[in-house]
Amino acid sequence: MTADLPAPPARPPVFDDDFSRGLDPDRWVAHYLPHWTTPDRSAARYALGSDGLRLRIEADQLDWRPEDAPLRVSNVQTGTFSGPVGSTVGTHRHRDDGLIVRTETPTRLLWAPTSGRVDITVSASTDPGCMLAAWFVGTEHLSSDDAGEICVFEIDAAAVGATTTARTGIKAHSDPRLVSDMTEVALPFDASRPHTWTAIWGGGQTLIGCEGRVLKRMPQAPVSPMFLLIDLFEIGAPSGAYPKTATVHRVRAWDGEAP
C-alpha cells in the first residue's frame, strides 16, 4: 500500500447501512444468485447484532447447487434479474457448464450504480474452508455484455493471521469491454478485525483500497448498472464447528464518484 485513498465525499451517501434496523428488504435480497438455483439452497443464514450483519454457514445448510457441491454460501445482494425458467438469461453467468434459470426472479434494481464509491467495513472469517467476499457484478438486465465484475476483495480464512493475504481487481467474465486483472495483496493486519475496503470507479478507471491506502489502480471500469454482493462461502466438505461466521459492519456509498 503506497498512496492515500481520496477522502469520502462531503455530501451525504446515497446508501448507508449499518444493519442497526435489521436487514432492509428495500436494500437487500438475502439470497445468492437465486435464479440459478432454488430458494432453499440460495437463502442466506444470518444474525443481526450490535456490530452489524453476521453472515453464517450452518451445519444443516444445503449446497448452493447440487452440481457445485460442496459449496455453501450466505449472501446479501442489492437486486435480482433473470429470464424465464429454463433459460440461460440472468445476472452473473459466471460458469459455462450449464447454468439454467431454475427460479425466475423479478427485475429488482434496489441499488445498481454505474459508477461511484463504496466503503465496506467487515471482519473476515477464520473458520476452516470459508471465504468472505464483496463484489459488484453487472445486472445484465439491459444487455448480456454487461457481465463485468469489480472484485472488491476475496479473503480466504486460511490467509487471515497477524498479516492477511487477499485478492482484488476486475473479472471480465463475458464483458468484451473489460480485461480480467486480479492481484493478490498483502495486508499488514489481522482481517478478522473490523477494517474498511474502498472501491471507486468511473470514467474508465477503477481504484481499490483498504484502510485508507491504495491497493490497486486499473485503467478500466465497468459502465453498466451493477449489483453489490457480499457473501460468506464455505468451499469444500463440511468440517469444524458451526456456525461459521463473518461480519458486515457497515456499507456506505456515493454515486458518480471517479478515481
Protein backbone atom coordinates (compact mmCIF):
# COMPACT_ATOMS: atom_id res chain seq x y z
CA MET A 1 0.00 0.00 0.00
CA THR A 2 1.71 3.11 -1.25
CA ALA A 3 -0.70 6.05 -1.52
CA ASP A 4 -3.61 7.51 0.37
CA LEU A 5 -7.14 6.98 -0.90
CA PRO A 6 -9.20 10.08 -1.62
CA ALA A 7 -11.31 11.17 1.32
CA PRO A 8 -15.01 10.28 1.15
CA PRO A 9 -17.20 12.96 -0.42
CA ALA A 10 -18.52 15.66 1.88
CA ARG A 11 -22.07 15.11 0.60
CA PRO A 12 -24.30 12.53 2.29
CA PRO A 13 -24.02 8.98 0.94
CA VAL A 14 -26.80 7.63 -1.27
CA PHE A 15 -26.53 4.28 0.52
CA ASP A 16 -25.67 3.90 4.20
CA ASP A 17 -26.49 0.79 6.21
CA ASP A 18 -25.06 -0.46 9.50
CA PHE A 19 -27.89 -3.01 9.86
CA SER A 20 -28.96 -1.48 13.16
CA ARG A 21 -32.56 -1.53 11.90
CA GLY A 22 -32.37 -5.07 10.59
CA LEU A 23 -31.90 -6.35 7.07
CA ASP A 24 -33.81 -3.84 4.96
CA PRO A 25 -35.78 -5.60 2.15
CA ASP A 26 -35.76 -2.35 0.19
CA ARG A 27 -31.95 -2.56 0.04
CA TRP A 28 -31.01 -6.24 0.24
CA VAL A 29 -32.07 -9.61 -1.12
CA ALA A 30 -30.94 -12.33 1.29
CA HIS A 31 -30.30 -14.96 -1.39
CA TYR A 32 -27.27 -15.83 -3.51
CA LEU A 33 -27.99 -15.54 -7.26
CA PRO A 34 -31.35 -17.18 -6.59
CA HIS A 35 -32.32 -17.62 -10.25
CA TRP A 36 -29.65 -20.28 -10.86
CA THR A 37 -30.93 -22.50 -8.03
CA THR A 38 -33.88 -22.94 -5.67
CA PRO A 39 -34.87 -20.81 -2.65
CA ASP A 40 -33.99 -23.48 -0.09
CA ARG A 41 -30.42 -23.50 -1.45
CA SER A 42 -29.92 -19.77 -2.12
CA ALA A 43 -31.29 -18.43 1.19
CA ALA A 44 -28.77 -16.70 3.44
CA ARG A 45 -28.24 -17.72 7.04
CA TYR A 46 -27.51 -14.69 9.19
CA ALA A 47 -27.92 -12.99 12.54
CA LEU A 48 -28.15 -9.34 13.49
CA GLY A 49 -26.21 -7.86 16.37
CA SER A 50 -24.91 -4.61 17.74
CA ASP A 51 -21.87 -4.93 15.47
CA GLY A 52 -23.82 -5.43 12.24
CA LEU A 53 -24.85 -8.31 9.98
CA ARG A 54 -23.28 -11.67 10.81
CA LEU A 55 -23.32 -13.98 7.82
CA ARG A 56 -23.44 -17.63 8.90
CA ILE A 57 -22.79 -21.04 7.43
CA GLU A 58 -24.70 -23.60 9.46
CA ALA A 59 -24.37 -27.36 9.79
CA ASP A 60 -27.66 -28.17 8.03
CA GLN A 61 -27.18 -25.68 5.18
CA LEU A 62 -27.59 -27.08 1.67
CA ASP A 63 -25.09 -26.69 -1.16
CA TRP A 64 -25.88 -23.73 -3.41
CA ARG A 65 -26.43 -26.09 -6.35
CA PRO A 66 -26.08 -29.88 -6.25
CA GLU A 67 -23.75 -29.61 -9.25
CA ASP A 68 -21.37 -27.34 -7.31
CA ALA A 69 -21.19 -29.40 -4.13
CA PRO A 70 -19.51 -29.00 -1.76
CA LEU A 71 -20.20 -25.24 -1.84
CA ARG A 72 -22.42 -23.41 0.60
CA VAL A 73 -22.97 -19.67 0.76
CA SER A 74 -24.80 -16.97 2.69
CA ASN A 75 -25.10 -13.80 0.64
CA VAL A 76 -26.88 -10.47 0.51
CA GLN A 77 -27.21 -8.57 -2.77
CA THR A 78 -28.80 -5.33 -3.92
CA GLY A 79 -31.15 -6.69 -6.57
CA THR A 80 -32.17 -9.52 -8.86
CA PHE A 81 -32.77 -10.21 -12.55
CA SER A 82 -33.44 -13.33 -14.59
CA GLY A 83 -35.15 -14.65 -17.67
CA PRO A 84 -37.82 -17.37 -17.55
CA VAL A 85 -37.29 -20.81 -16.05
CA GLY A 86 -35.23 -22.96 -18.40
CA SER A 87 -33.43 -20.02 -19.99
CA THR A 88 -29.77 -19.04 -19.65
CA VAL A 89 -30.62 -15.35 -19.07
CA GLY A 90 -29.74 -13.84 -15.72
CA THR A 91 -27.27 -11.87 -13.64
CA HIS A 92 -23.75 -13.31 -13.40
CA ARG A 93 -23.49 -16.11 -15.95
CA HIS A 94 -20.16 -16.94 -14.39
CA ARG A 95 -19.97 -20.57 -15.49
CA ASP A 96 -20.14 -22.16 -18.93
CA ASP A 97 -21.18 -25.62 -17.74
CA GLY A 98 -24.94 -25.37 -17.79
CA LEU A 99 -26.25 -22.51 -15.64
CA ILE A 100 -30.00 -22.56 -16.30
CA VAL A 101 -32.69 -20.50 -14.58
CA ARG A 102 -34.46 -22.68 -12.02
CA THR A 103 -36.30 -19.91 -10.16
CA GLU A 104 -37.48 -16.92 -12.18
CA THR A 105 -36.72 -13.73 -10.27
CA PRO A 106 -38.17 -10.27 -10.92
CA THR A 107 -36.06 -7.36 -12.08
CA ARG A 108 -35.41 -5.55 -8.80
CA LEU A 109 -32.88 -2.73 -9.02
CA LEU A 110 -32.75 -1.90 -5.32
CA TRP A 111 -29.33 -0.31 -5.82
CA ALA A 112 -27.48 -0.71 -9.10
CA PRO A 113 -24.95 2.10 -9.65
CA THR A 114 -22.99 2.60 -12.87
CA SER A 115 -20.16 4.48 -11.14
CA GLY A 116 -19.32 5.73 -7.69
CA ARG A 117 -17.61 4.93 -4.46
CA VAL A 118 -18.32 2.28 -1.83
CA ASP A 119 -16.78 1.81 1.63
CA ILE A 120 -17.40 -1.66 3.11
CA THR A 121 -16.41 -2.41 6.71
CA VAL A 122 -16.10 -6.10 7.54
CA SER A 123 -14.49 -8.68 9.80
CA ALA A 124 -13.38 -11.76 7.88
CA SER A 125 -13.95 -15.35 8.92
CA THR A 126 -11.21 -17.56 10.32
CA ASP A 127 -13.38 -20.69 10.16
CA PRO A 128 -11.99 -23.61 8.13
CA GLY A 129 -12.92 -23.63 4.45
CA CYS A 130 -14.50 -20.17 4.47
CA MET A 131 -14.04 -17.14 2.23
CA LEU A 132 -15.55 -13.67 2.71
CA ALA A 133 -16.02 -11.63 -0.47
CA ALA A 134 -17.58 -8.40 -1.72
CA TRP A 135 -18.07 -7.62 -5.39
CA PHE A 136 -20.09 -5.68 -7.91
CA VAL A 137 -21.38 -7.56 -10.95
CA GLY A 138 -23.26 -6.31 -13.99
CA THR A 139 -27.00 -6.77 -13.71
CA GLU A 140 -27.30 -7.91 -17.36
CA HIS A 141 -30.91 -6.73 -17.45
CA LEU A 142 -30.09 -4.37 -20.33
CA SER A 143 -27.52 -6.47 -22.18
CA SER A 144 -25.72 -9.78 -21.73
CA ASP A 145 -22.48 -7.86 -22.37
CA ASP A 146 -22.96 -6.13 -19.00
CA ALA A 147 -21.29 -9.00 -17.19
CA GLY A 148 -18.12 -7.49 -15.74
CA GLU A 149 -17.19 -7.64 -12.09
CA ILE A 150 -15.32 -5.40 -9.67
CA CYS A 151 -13.96 -7.79 -7.07
CA VAL A 152 -13.51 -5.52 -4.08
CA PHE A 153 -11.99 -8.35 -2.05
CA GLU A 154 -11.83 -12.09 -1.54
CA ILE A 155 -10.37 -13.20 1.80
CA ASP A 156 -9.75 -16.87 2.48
CA ALA A 157 -9.98 -17.80 6.15
CA ALA A 158 -6.70 -19.71 5.87
CA ALA A 159 -4.96 -16.49 4.79
CA VAL A 160 -6.01 -14.49 7.87
CA GLY A 161 -3.48 -14.00 10.65
CA ALA A 162 -1.21 -11.33 12.06
CA THR A 163 -0.95 -10.34 8.40
CA THR A 164 -3.55 -11.22 5.75
CA THR A 165 -3.49 -12.08 2.06
CA ALA A 166 -6.47 -11.11 -0.11
CA ARG A 167 -7.40 -10.91 -3.79
CA THR A 168 -8.79 -7.86 -5.58
CA GLY A 169 -9.30 -6.49 -9.08
CA ILE A 170 -11.56 -6.87 -12.13
CA LYS A 171 -13.01 -10.01 -13.69
CA ALA A 172 -14.22 -9.50 -17.25
CA HIS A 173 -16.38 -12.64 -17.48
CA SER A 174 -18.18 -12.13 -20.83
CA ASP A 175 -17.97 -8.32 -20.93
CA PRO A 176 -15.98 -7.59 -24.15
CA ARG A 177 -15.04 -4.10 -22.90
CA LEU A 178 -13.02 -5.39 -19.94
CA VAL A 179 -9.86 -7.41 -19.35
CA SER A 180 -9.50 -9.60 -16.26
CA ASP A 181 -6.91 -8.13 -13.89
CA MET A 182 -6.74 -9.75 -10.46
CA THR A 183 -3.98 -9.25 -7.90
CA GLU A 184 -3.04 -10.89 -4.62
CA VAL A 185 -2.36 -8.24 -1.98
CA ALA A 186 -0.75 -8.36 1.45
CA LEU A 187 -2.47 -6.56 4.31
CA PRO A 188 -0.37 -5.70 7.38
CA PHE A 189 -3.10 -6.60 9.88
CA ASP A 190 -5.46 -9.33 11.03
CA ALA A 191 -8.51 -9.11 8.74
CA SER A 192 -10.73 -10.87 11.27
CA ARG A 193 -10.84 -7.48 12.99
CA PRO A 194 -13.01 -4.66 11.60
CA HIS A 195 -11.44 -2.95 8.59
CA THR A 196 -12.72 -0.97 5.61
CA TRP A 197 -12.36 -1.65 1.90
CA THR A 198 -12.99 1.02 -0.75
CA ALA A 199 -13.79 0.81 -4.45
CA ILE A 200 -14.04 3.91 -6.64
CA TRP A 201 -14.91 3.51 -10.30
CA GLY A 202 -16.00 5.57 -13.29
CA GLY A 203 -14.60 7.47 -16.25
CA GLY A 204 -12.57 4.49 -17.41
CA GLN A 205 -10.71 3.96 -14.13
CA THR A 206 -11.12 1.74 -11.07
CA LEU A 207 -9.36 2.24 -7.75
CA ILE A 208 -9.44 -0.30 -4.91
CA GLY A 209 -8.00 0.29 -1.46
CA CYS A 210 -8.14 -0.81 2.14
CA GLU A 211 -7.87 1.11 5.40
CA GLY A 212 -7.32 4.38 3.57
CA ARG A 213 -4.48 3.16 1.34
CA VAL A 214 -4.47 2.38 -2.39
CA LEU A 215 -4.01 -1.28 -3.27
CA LYS A 216 -4.74 -1.37 -7.00
CA ARG A 217 -5.41 1.16 -9.75
CA MET A 218 -6.73 -0.02 -13.12
CA PRO A 219 -7.25 1.95 -16.38
CA GLN A 220 -10.67 0.39 -17.00
CA ALA A 221 -14.07 0.34 -15.36
CA PRO A 222 -17.44 -1.30 -15.98
CA VAL A 223 -20.02 1.07 -17.47
CA SER A 224 -23.17 -0.91 -16.77
CA PRO A 225 -25.51 -1.00 -13.77
CA MET A 226 -24.14 -3.35 -11.14
CA PHE A 227 -25.45 -5.12 -8.06
CA LEU A 228 -23.37 -5.33 -4.89
CA LEU A 229 -22.97 -8.81 -3.40
CA ILE A 230 -21.41 -9.57 -0.01
CA ASP A 231 -21.03 -13.22 0.83
CA LEU A 232 -19.57 -15.86 3.09
CA PHE A 233 -18.68 -19.10 1.29
CA GLU A 234 -17.77 -22.47 2.67
CA ILE A 235 -15.76 -24.24 0.00
CA GLY A 236 -15.12 -27.95 0.40
CA ALA A 237 -16.57 -30.67 2.56
CA PRO A 238 -18.19 -29.61 5.86
CA SER A 239 -15.65 -29.56 8.68
CA GLY A 240 -15.03 -27.98 12.06
CA ALA A 241 -17.51 -26.28 14.36
CA TYR A 242 -20.69 -24.47 13.28
CA PRO A 243 -21.92 -21.88 12.77
CA LYS A 244 -19.11 -20.35 10.75
CA THR A 245 -19.36 -16.57 10.61
CA ALA A 246 -18.13 -13.28 9.22
CA THR A 247 -19.48 -9.79 9.95
CA VAL A 248 -20.51 -6.92 7.71
CA HIS A 249 -20.42 -3.85 9.93
CA ARG A 250 -21.38 -1.07 7.53
CA VAL A 251 -21.79 -0.21 3.85
CA ARG A 252 -21.65 3.41 2.65
CA ALA A 253 -21.75 4.54 -0.97
CA TRP A 254 -21.83 7.63 -3.16
CA ASP A 255 -22.93 7.70 -6.80
CA GLY A 256 -20.95 9.36 -9.54
CA GLU A 257 -17.53 9.32 -7.89
CA ALA A 258 -14.46 8.92 -10.14
CA PRO A 259 -10.88 7.99 -9.21
